[in-house]
Amino acid sequence: MKWGDTSDSLTLSVYTPSGSKLGTYHDSSDGSTNGRIRININPSQGYVQQGT
């Protein structure tokens, strides 16, 4: 997710299709406040179904 504006806080909460919260991520989670949140979703962990 790229917000671009570093003057405002950026937070992203990720949920499974069934409504379970996987986590909340902040712009500074990667050690840099740059208006971006990078997450990797791995289908093999069972949170989401793999696309075709």
N, C-alpha and C. Protein backbone atom coordinates (compact mmCIF):
# COMPACT_ATOMS: atom_id res chain seq x y z
N MET A 1 0.85 -1.15 0.00
CA MET A 1 0.00 0.00 0.00
C MET A 1 0.90 1.22 0.00
N LYS A 2 0.63 2.14 -0.88
CA LYS A 2 1.43 3.36 -0.95
C LYS A 2 0.53 4.56 -0.72
N TRP A 3 0.75 5.24 0.37
CA TRP A 3 -0.01 6.42 0.72
C TRP A 3 0.65 7.66 0.15
N GLY A 4 1.97 7.68 0.21
CA GLY A 4 2.72 8.78 -0.37
C GLY A 4 2.92 9.97 0.55
N ASP A 5 1.93 10.29 1.36
CA ASP A 5 2.00 11.45 2.24
C ASP A 5 2.55 11.02 3.59
N THR A 6 3.77 11.37 3.88
CA THR A 6 4.40 10.95 5.14
C THR A 6 4.02 11.84 6.32
N SER A 7 3.24 12.90 6.08
CA SER A 7 2.86 13.78 7.18
C SER A 7 1.68 13.22 7.98
N ASP A 8 0.94 12.28 7.42
CA ASP A 8 -0.17 11.62 8.12
C ASP A 8 0.22 10.20 8.46
N SER A 9 -0.34 9.67 9.54
CA SER A 9 -0.04 8.29 9.91
C SER A 9 -0.76 7.33 8.97
N LEU A 10 -0.15 6.20 8.73
CA LEU A 10 -0.69 5.19 7.82
C LEU A 10 -0.75 3.87 8.56
N THR A 11 -1.93 3.26 8.62
CA THR A 11 -2.14 1.99 9.31
C THR A 11 -3.01 1.11 8.43
N LEU A 12 -2.67 -0.17 8.36
CA LEU A 12 -3.43 -1.14 7.57
C LEU A 12 -3.72 -2.35 8.42
N SER A 13 -4.99 -2.72 8.54
CA SER A 13 -5.38 -3.95 9.24
C SER A 13 -5.79 -4.97 8.20
N VAL A 14 -5.31 -6.21 8.35
CA VAL A 14 -5.58 -7.27 7.39
C VAL A 14 -6.44 -8.33 8.05
N TYR A 15 -7.52 -8.72 7.37
CA TYR A 15 -8.46 -9.71 7.88
C TYR A 15 -8.60 -10.85 6.88
N THR A 16 -8.87 -12.05 7.39
CA THR A 16 -9.18 -13.19 6.54
C THR A 16 -10.60 -13.04 6.02
N PRO A 17 -10.99 -13.79 4.99
CA PRO A 17 -12.37 -13.73 4.51
C PRO A 17 -13.40 -14.09 5.60
N SER A 18 -13.01 -14.89 6.58
CA SER A 18 -13.94 -15.26 7.65
C SER A 18 -14.00 -14.21 8.77
N GLY A 19 -13.17 -13.17 8.68
CA GLY A 19 -13.23 -12.08 9.65
C GLY A 19 -12.18 -12.10 10.74
N SER A 20 -11.28 -13.08 10.72
CA SER A 20 -10.20 -13.11 11.71
C SER A 20 -9.14 -12.08 11.36
N LYS A 21 -8.71 -11.33 12.35
CA LYS A 21 -7.70 -10.30 12.12
C LYS A 21 -6.32 -10.93 12.13
N LEU A 22 -5.59 -10.73 11.04
CA LEU A 22 -4.23 -11.27 10.94
C LEU A 22 -3.21 -10.33 11.56
N GLY A 23 -3.48 -9.05 11.52
CA GLY A 23 -2.54 -8.11 12.11
C GLY A 23 -2.80 -6.69 11.65
N THR A 24 -2.16 -5.77 12.34
CA THR A 24 -2.21 -4.36 11.99
C THR A 24 -0.79 -3.90 11.70
N TYR A 25 -0.63 -3.22 10.60
CA TYR A 25 0.69 -2.79 10.16
C TYR A 25 0.70 -1.27 10.06
N HIS A 26 1.84 -0.70 10.39
CA HIS A 26 2.00 0.76 10.39
C HIS A 26 3.10 1.13 9.41
N ASP A 27 3.06 2.37 8.96
CA ASP A 27 4.08 2.87 8.04
C ASP A 27 5.48 2.61 8.58
N SER A 28 5.66 2.77 9.87
CA SER A 28 6.99 2.62 10.47
C SER A 28 7.35 1.16 10.79
N SER A 29 6.48 0.19 10.46
CA SER A 29 6.75 -1.22 10.78
C SER A 29 8.04 -1.74 10.16
N ASP A 30 8.42 -1.18 9.01
CA ASP A 30 9.64 -1.64 8.34
C ASP A 30 10.86 -0.80 8.72
N GLY A 31 10.67 0.11 9.69
CA GLY A 31 11.79 0.93 10.14
C GLY A 31 11.93 2.24 9.39
N SER A 32 11.03 2.48 8.44
CA SER A 32 11.10 3.71 7.65
C SER A 32 9.71 4.31 7.53
N THR A 33 9.57 5.60 7.82
CA THR A 33 8.31 6.30 7.65
C THR A 33 8.35 6.97 6.28
N ASN A 34 7.82 6.26 5.27
CA ASN A 34 7.91 6.73 3.89
C ASN A 34 6.58 6.69 3.15
N GLY A 35 5.46 6.56 3.88
CA GLY A 35 4.16 6.53 3.24
C GLY A 35 3.85 5.21 2.56
N ARG A 36 4.54 4.13 2.96
CA ARG A 36 4.32 2.81 2.34
C ARG A 36 4.25 1.73 3.40
N ILE A 37 3.40 0.75 3.16
CA ILE A 37 3.35 -0.46 3.98
C ILE A 37 3.50 -1.63 3.03
N ARG A 38 4.50 -2.44 3.28
CA ARG A 38 4.73 -3.62 2.43
C ARG A 38 4.39 -4.86 3.24
N ILE A 39 3.53 -5.70 2.67
CA ILE A 39 3.22 -6.99 3.28
C ILE A 39 3.27 -8.05 2.20
N ASN A 40 3.62 -9.24 2.58
CA ASN A 40 3.61 -10.39 1.68
C ASN A 40 2.62 -11.40 2.24
N ILE A 41 1.67 -11.83 1.41
CA ILE A 41 0.69 -12.82 1.82
C ILE A 41 1.04 -14.12 1.11
N ASN A 42 1.34 -15.14 1.90
CA ASN A 42 1.74 -16.43 1.37
C ASN A 42 0.55 -17.40 1.45
N PRO A 43 -0.02 -17.81 0.30
CA PRO A 43 -1.18 -18.70 0.33
C PRO A 43 -0.92 -20.02 1.05
N SER A 44 0.31 -20.48 1.09
CA SER A 44 0.60 -21.77 1.72
C SER A 44 0.44 -21.73 3.24
N GLN A 45 0.30 -20.54 3.83
CA GLN A 45 0.09 -20.43 5.27
C GLN A 45 -1.38 -20.62 5.64
N GLY A 46 -2.26 -20.77 4.64
CA GLY A 46 -3.65 -21.09 4.89
C GLY A 46 -4.55 -19.91 5.18
N TYR A 47 -4.05 -18.67 5.08
CA TYR A 47 -4.89 -17.50 5.35
C TYR A 47 -5.81 -17.17 4.18
N VAL A 48 -5.32 -17.40 2.97
CA VAL A 48 -6.10 -17.11 1.77
C VAL A 48 -5.95 -18.27 0.79
N GLN A 49 -6.93 -18.39 -0.09
CA GLN A 49 -6.83 -19.41 -1.12
C GLN A 49 -5.97 -18.89 -2.25
N GLN A 50 -5.18 -19.78 -2.82
CA GLN A 50 -4.31 -19.39 -3.92
C GLN A 50 -5.16 -19.14 -5.16
N GLY A 51 -4.84 -18.08 -5.88
CA GLY A 51 -5.56 -17.75 -7.11
C GLY A 51 -5.18 -18.67 -8.25
N THR A 52 -5.92 -18.54 -9.33
CA THR A 52 -5.65 -19.37 -10.51
C THR A 52 -5.08 -18.54 -11.62
